[in-house]
Amino acid sequence: MTHPRLAAYSINGITGYGAVTDSGIVDLSARQGKDYPSLREVISAGALMKLAEEAARHSPDHALSEITWLPPIPAPEKIICIGVNYPDRNAEYKDGQDAPRYPSMFMRTPRSFVGHETPLVRPRASPQLDYEGEVVLVIGKPGRHIPQATALDHIAAITLCNEGSVRDWLRHAKFNVTQGKNFDASGSLGPWLVPYSSESQIADIRLMTRVNGELRQDDRTSRLIFGFRYLINYISTFTTLVAGDIIVTGTPTGAGARFDPPRYLKPGDLVEVEAEGIGTLRNGVVDEA
């Protein structure tokens, strides 16, 4: 296994974090919880690799079947999502416009996400729940007005997102998408954090989304309209990025809304977002109780 994998989870109602191995999870919160209550504090201290190296000295404490996966960062200060950031996705709008001059973006709440292997919830308010597979940057080093040249130094880790969207609720008003992007448990983050090491690790990641085994989205981060350096520079112009902030960097073409007729998610579906060097984020779908 090339990259360490650090995950948040709960077991018997107690939340923790640890290192994922092929045979289970090494409980790091039991060993390091006094210094680092969650992975957010681990990130703040720049200690992801230190803990991953410590975990390698221990055998797993729990089987993966025993845990409930959680989004890796508890209560991030900001979850910033980028819209329309792959060329073919821009073309989908069929509005004749070239690539935009600045990135589209919106915020999401932590409550709108579940972890790996936890079902997404199709809301009572709408049947139009859709999937969007995305690569996620997790900020480690705080900063404001961060130059592009040093922007990648501010990344602590990468992970994945299924940026689930309720399509008709994106269009309720003249210019906002907030409602349709923030239904409780409509998206997912995970399965784990992979510590960031160098630009080559993220420059050309193949990103794929499958629904019930069928490939729906397939693109590469080398084709992003707004690259990772630019996004960190641009976002940090208006807000101070802090450790644990999450930047969801955009989805390729192929979401369900773009099929004719649309192919929205329904209970029983299985969505898998997979990326080279990160892993696979897997979620079923259920109806809201």
Protein backbone atom coordinates (compact mmCIF):
# COMPACT_ATOMS: atom_id res chain seq x y z
CA MET A 1 0.00 0.00 0.00
CA THR A 2 1.58 3.25 -1.10
CA HIS A 3 -0.30 6.00 0.76
CA PRO A 4 -1.30 6.03 4.44
CA ARG A 5 -5.05 6.28 5.04
CA LEU A 6 -6.45 8.04 8.11
CA ALA A 7 -10.14 7.81 8.89
CA ALA A 8 -12.74 8.99 11.40
CA TYR A 9 -15.28 6.49 12.66
CA SER A 10 -17.55 5.53 15.50
CA ILE A 11 -17.73 2.21 17.30
CA ASN A 12 -20.28 1.39 20.00
CA GLY A 13 -21.34 5.04 19.96
CA ILE A 14 -17.84 6.39 20.62
CA THR A 15 -16.16 8.48 17.91
CA GLY A 16 -12.49 8.05 17.14
CA TYR A 17 -9.94 8.11 14.36
CA GLY A 18 -7.25 5.79 13.17
CA ALA A 19 -5.16 4.38 10.36
CA VAL A 20 -6.84 2.04 7.89
CA THR A 21 -5.00 -1.12 6.89
CA ASP A 22 -6.18 -3.94 4.67
CA SER A 23 -7.01 -6.00 7.77
CA GLY A 24 -8.63 -3.38 10.01
CA ILE A 25 -8.16 -0.04 11.72
CA VAL A 26 -5.43 0.98 14.17
CA ASP A 27 -7.08 3.13 16.86
CA LEU A 28 -4.98 6.29 17.05
CA SER A 29 -7.50 8.29 19.09
CA ALA A 30 -7.00 5.90 22.02
CA ARG A 31 -3.25 6.50 21.82
CA GLN A 32 -3.15 10.18 20.82
CA GLY A 33 -6.56 11.59 21.81
CA LYS A 34 -5.21 13.74 24.64
CA ASP A 35 -2.99 15.66 22.23
CA TYR A 36 -5.29 15.46 19.23
CA PRO A 37 -9.04 15.08 19.98
CA SER A 38 -9.83 14.62 16.25
CA LEU A 39 -8.15 14.53 12.85
CA ARG A 40 -8.70 18.29 12.64
CA GLU A 41 -6.17 18.83 15.47
CA VAL A 42 -3.82 16.29 13.88
CA ILE A 43 -3.95 18.37 10.70
CA SER A 44 -3.46 21.65 12.60
CA ALA A 45 -0.30 20.20 14.16
CA GLY A 46 1.00 18.93 10.81
CA ALA A 47 1.08 15.46 12.36
CA LEU A 48 -0.73 13.26 9.81
CA MET A 49 2.44 11.50 8.66
CA LYS A 50 3.76 11.21 12.22
CA LEU A 51 0.61 9.38 13.28
CA ALA A 52 0.57 7.23 10.16
CA GLU A 53 4.12 6.14 10.95
CA GLU A 54 3.16 5.36 14.54
CA ALA A 55 0.18 3.31 13.35
CA ALA A 56 2.49 1.18 11.21
CA ARG A 57 4.02 -0.16 14.43
CA HIS A 58 0.70 -1.56 15.69
CA SER A 59 -1.68 -4.25 14.55
CA PRO A 60 -5.35 -3.30 13.97
CA ASP A 61 -7.61 -2.78 16.98
CA HIS A 62 -10.91 -3.11 15.12
CA ALA A 63 -12.18 -4.94 12.06
CA LEU A 64 -13.51 -2.63 9.36
CA SER A 65 -16.86 -4.43 9.65
CA GLU A 66 -17.20 -3.17 13.26
CA ILE A 67 -16.96 0.55 12.55
CA THR A 68 -19.31 3.22 11.21
CA TRP A 69 -17.35 5.51 8.91
CA LEU A 70 -17.67 9.27 9.49
CA PRO A 71 -16.64 12.25 7.34
CA PRO A 72 -12.92 12.63 8.15
CA ILE A 73 -13.02 16.20 9.53
CA PRO A 74 -15.55 16.85 12.31
CA ALA A 75 -17.15 20.31 12.14
CA PRO A 76 -14.87 21.95 9.57
CA GLU A 77 -15.08 25.73 9.67
CA LYS A 78 -15.71 25.87 5.92
CA ILE A 79 -16.80 23.48 3.19
CA ILE A 80 -16.29 25.37 -0.08
CA CYS A 81 -17.53 23.72 -3.27
CA ILE A 82 -16.51 24.64 -6.81
CA GLY A 83 -19.03 24.36 -9.64
CA VAL A 84 -18.44 23.77 -13.35
CA ASN A 85 -14.69 23.09 -13.23
CA TYR A 86 -14.17 20.51 -16.01
CA PRO A 87 -14.32 21.60 -19.67
CA ASP A 88 -16.97 19.06 -20.73
CA ARG A 89 -19.11 20.06 -17.75
CA ASN A 90 -19.03 23.70 -18.94
CA ALA A 91 -20.07 22.55 -22.41
CA GLU A 92 -23.08 20.74 -20.89
CA TYR A 93 -24.72 24.07 -20.17
CA LYS A 94 -25.10 24.65 -23.93
CA ASP A 95 -25.17 28.41 -23.36
CA GLY A 96 -22.44 29.10 -25.92
CA GLN A 97 -20.21 30.58 -23.26
CA ASP A 98 -16.50 29.94 -23.05
CA ALA A 99 -14.89 28.78 -19.84
CA PRO A 100 -15.81 31.24 -17.09
CA ARG A 101 -13.35 33.89 -15.98
CA TYR A 102 -13.76 33.07 -12.28
CA PRO A 103 -14.86 29.90 -10.51
CA SER A 104 -18.45 29.41 -9.40
CA MET A 105 -18.66 28.43 -5.75
CA PHE A 106 -21.01 27.82 -2.87
CA MET A 107 -20.84 26.58 0.72
CA ARG A 108 -22.15 23.38 2.26
CA THR A 109 -22.92 22.46 5.84
CA PRO A 110 -21.31 19.49 7.61
CA ARG A 111 -24.79 18.06 8.24
CA SER A 112 -25.30 17.65 4.50
CA PHE A 113 -22.64 14.90 4.42
CA VAL A 114 -22.40 11.33 5.67
CA GLY A 115 -19.36 9.04 5.71
CA HIS A 116 -18.28 6.08 3.59
CA GLU A 117 -20.69 3.10 3.47
CA THR A 118 -23.53 5.19 4.96
CA PRO A 119 -26.56 5.70 2.72
CA LEU A 120 -27.38 9.02 1.12
CA VAL A 121 -30.92 10.16 1.93
CA ARG A 122 -33.31 11.00 -0.90
CA PRO A 123 -35.46 13.76 0.64
CA ARG A 124 -39.24 13.77 0.93
CA ALA A 125 -39.27 17.17 -0.77
CA SER A 126 -37.96 15.93 -4.15
CA PRO A 127 -37.10 12.77 -6.10
CA GLN A 128 -34.28 14.58 -7.95
CA LEU A 129 -31.29 13.43 -5.85
CA ASP A 130 -28.20 13.36 -8.08
CA TYR A 131 -24.55 12.33 -7.67
CA GLU A 132 -21.37 14.34 -8.31
CA GLY A 133 -17.98 12.68 -7.78
CA GLU A 134 -15.22 15.11 -6.78
CA VAL A 135 -11.65 15.28 -5.50
CA VAL A 136 -11.32 17.16 -2.20
CA LEU A 137 -8.44 19.25 -0.83
CA VAL A 138 -8.12 19.49 2.95
CA ILE A 139 -6.28 22.59 4.16
CA GLY A 140 -3.49 22.14 6.69
CA LYS A 141 -1.67 25.45 6.90
CA PRO A 142 -3.73 28.62 7.48
CA GLY A 143 -3.39 31.54 5.12
CA ARG A 144 -4.85 34.63 3.49
CA HIS A 145 -3.83 36.05 0.09
CA ILE A 146 -1.88 32.87 -0.61
CA PRO A 147 0.26 33.14 -3.77
CA GLN A 148 -0.21 30.44 -6.40
CA ALA A 149 3.50 29.62 -6.17
CA THR A 150 3.18 28.40 -2.59
CA ALA A 151 -0.50 27.40 -2.59
CA LEU A 152 0.05 23.65 -2.52
CA ASP A 153 2.07 23.98 0.71
CA HIS A 154 -1.27 24.68 2.39
CA ILE A 155 -2.74 21.24 1.55
CA ALA A 156 -2.66 18.65 4.34
CA ALA A 157 -4.51 15.81 2.65
CA ILE A 158 -6.83 14.73 -0.12
CA THR A 159 -10.08 12.79 0.01
CA LEU A 160 -13.25 12.29 -2.05
CA CYS A 161 -16.76 13.71 -2.12
CA ASN A 162 -20.05 12.64 -3.57
CA GLU A 163 -21.46 16.16 -3.75
CA GLY A 164 -25.08 15.01 -3.85
CA SER A 165 -27.49 17.61 -5.19
CA VAL A 166 -31.27 17.93 -5.26
CA ARG A 167 -31.65 19.33 -8.75
CA ASP A 168 -35.01 21.11 -8.74
CA TRP A 169 -34.10 22.83 -5.44
CA LEU A 170 -31.00 24.32 -7.13
CA ARG A 171 -33.38 26.37 -9.29
CA HIS A 172 -35.82 27.74 -6.72
CA ALA A 173 -34.57 31.29 -6.92
CA LYS A 174 -32.92 33.64 -9.36
CA PHE A 175 -29.25 32.94 -8.71
CA ASN A 176 -28.62 30.65 -5.73
CA VAL A 177 -28.03 26.90 -5.41
CA THR A 178 -27.69 26.71 -1.62
CA GLN A 179 -30.95 24.89 -0.85
CA GLY A 180 -30.38 22.07 -3.33
CA LYS A 181 -26.81 21.59 -2.11
CA ASN A 182 -27.55 21.30 1.61
CA PHE A 183 -30.23 18.71 2.22
CA ASP A 184 -29.32 16.64 5.29
CA ALA A 185 -27.29 13.54 4.42
CA SER A 186 -27.53 14.18 0.67
CA GLY A 187 -23.76 13.84 0.04
CA SER A 188 -20.75 12.03 1.41
CA LEU A 189 -17.10 12.67 2.28
CA GLY A 190 -14.34 10.09 2.67
CA PRO A 191 -13.57 7.29 2.91
CA TRP A 192 -10.37 8.58 4.54
CA LEU A 193 -7.65 11.20 4.32
CA VAL A 194 -4.54 10.52 2.25
CA PRO A 195 -1.72 12.82 3.42
CA TYR A 196 -0.54 15.20 0.68
CA SER A 197 3.09 14.76 -0.34
CA SER A 198 3.80 16.48 -3.68
CA GLU A 199 2.16 18.05 -6.70
CA SER A 200 2.66 14.89 -8.76
CA GLN A 201 0.24 13.14 -6.39
CA ILE A 202 -2.68 15.40 -7.43
CA ALA A 203 -1.71 16.78 -10.86
CA ASP A 204 -3.38 14.09 -12.96
CA ILE A 205 -5.72 11.99 -10.81
CA ARG A 206 -8.24 9.88 -12.72
CA LEU A 207 -11.66 10.42 -11.12
CA MET A 208 -14.58 8.07 -11.82
CA THR A 209 -18.16 7.70 -10.59
CA ARG A 210 -20.17 4.50 -10.99
CA VAL A 211 -23.85 3.92 -10.27
CA ASN A 212 -24.73 0.26 -9.75
CA GLY A 213 -21.43 -0.64 -11.45
CA GLU A 214 -22.08 1.50 -14.54
CA LEU A 215 -19.40 4.12 -15.27
CA ARG A 216 -21.09 7.54 -15.41
CA GLN A 217 -18.26 10.05 -14.82
CA ASP A 218 -14.61 9.73 -15.89
CA ASP A 219 -12.11 12.61 -16.12
CA ARG A 220 -8.72 13.73 -14.86
CA THR A 221 -7.66 16.57 -12.57
CA SER A 222 -5.11 17.70 -15.18
CA ARG A 223 -8.08 19.01 -17.18
CA LEU A 224 -9.55 21.26 -14.49
CA ILE A 225 -10.48 24.76 -15.72
CA PHE A 226 -9.35 26.21 -12.37
CA GLY A 227 -6.44 24.22 -10.99
CA PHE A 228 -5.67 23.57 -7.35
CA ARG A 229 -3.08 26.37 -7.05
CA TYR A 230 -5.48 28.92 -8.48
CA LEU A 231 -8.39 27.82 -6.29
CA ILE A 232 -6.40 28.19 -3.07
CA ASN A 233 -5.09 31.58 -4.21
CA TYR A 234 -8.55 32.83 -5.25
CA ILE A 235 -10.47 31.57 -2.22
CA SER A 236 -7.88 32.93 0.20
CA THR A 237 -8.36 36.38 -1.31
CA PHE A 238 -11.77 36.71 0.35
CA THR A 239 -11.53 34.33 3.32
CA THR A 240 -8.81 33.10 5.63
CA LEU A 241 -8.25 29.40 5.03
CA VAL A 242 -7.73 27.45 8.26
CA ALA A 243 -6.71 23.90 9.11
CA GLY A 244 -9.49 21.45 8.40
CA ASP A 245 -11.19 23.57 5.74
CA ILE A 246 -12.47 21.49 2.84
CA ILE A 247 -12.38 22.51 -0.83
CA VAL A 248 -14.52 20.32 -3.09
CA THR A 249 -12.97 20.92 -6.49
CA GLY A 250 -15.67 20.21 -9.10
CA THR A 251 -17.35 17.30 -10.85
CA PRO A 252 -16.90 15.92 -14.40
CA THR A 253 -19.66 15.58 -16.94
CA GLY A 254 -22.08 12.67 -16.58
CA ALA A 255 -24.33 13.44 -13.61
CA GLY A 256 -27.81 11.96 -13.75
CA ALA A 257 -29.54 15.24 -14.61
CA ARG A 258 -27.78 15.35 -17.97
CA PHE A 259 -29.29 12.12 -19.31
CA ASP A 260 -32.48 12.17 -21.38
CA PRO A 261 -34.59 11.29 -19.49
CA PRO A 262 -32.67 12.18 -16.30
CA ARG A 263 -31.36 9.29 -14.21
CA TYR A 264 -31.76 10.39 -10.60
CA LEU A 265 -30.75 8.23 -7.66
CA LYS A 266 -33.35 5.98 -6.09
CA PRO A 267 -33.42 3.79 -2.99
CA GLY A 268 -31.30 0.68 -3.46
CA ASP A 269 -28.79 2.34 -5.80
CA LEU A 270 -25.06 2.11 -5.05
CA VAL A 271 -22.81 5.05 -5.92
CA GLU A 272 -19.01 4.65 -6.00
CA VAL A 273 -16.62 7.58 -6.42
CA GLU A 274 -13.13 6.28 -7.17
CA ALA A 275 -9.83 8.10 -7.66
CA GLU A 276 -6.32 6.87 -8.28
CA GLY A 277 -4.15 7.10 -5.20
CA ILE A 278 -7.09 7.87 -2.91
CA GLY A 279 -9.58 4.99 -2.94
CA THR A 280 -13.31 4.45 -3.39
CA LEU A 281 -16.10 6.29 -1.57
CA ARG A 282 -19.17 4.04 -1.57
CA ASN A 283 -22.74 4.92 -0.56
CA GLY A 284 -26.16 3.38 -0.98
CA VAL A 285 -29.37 5.40 -1.20
CA VAL A 286 -32.44 5.34 1.05
CA ASP A 287 -35.62 7.39 1.28
CA GLU A 288 -35.99 9.95 4.05
CA ALA A 289 -37.86 8.39 6.97
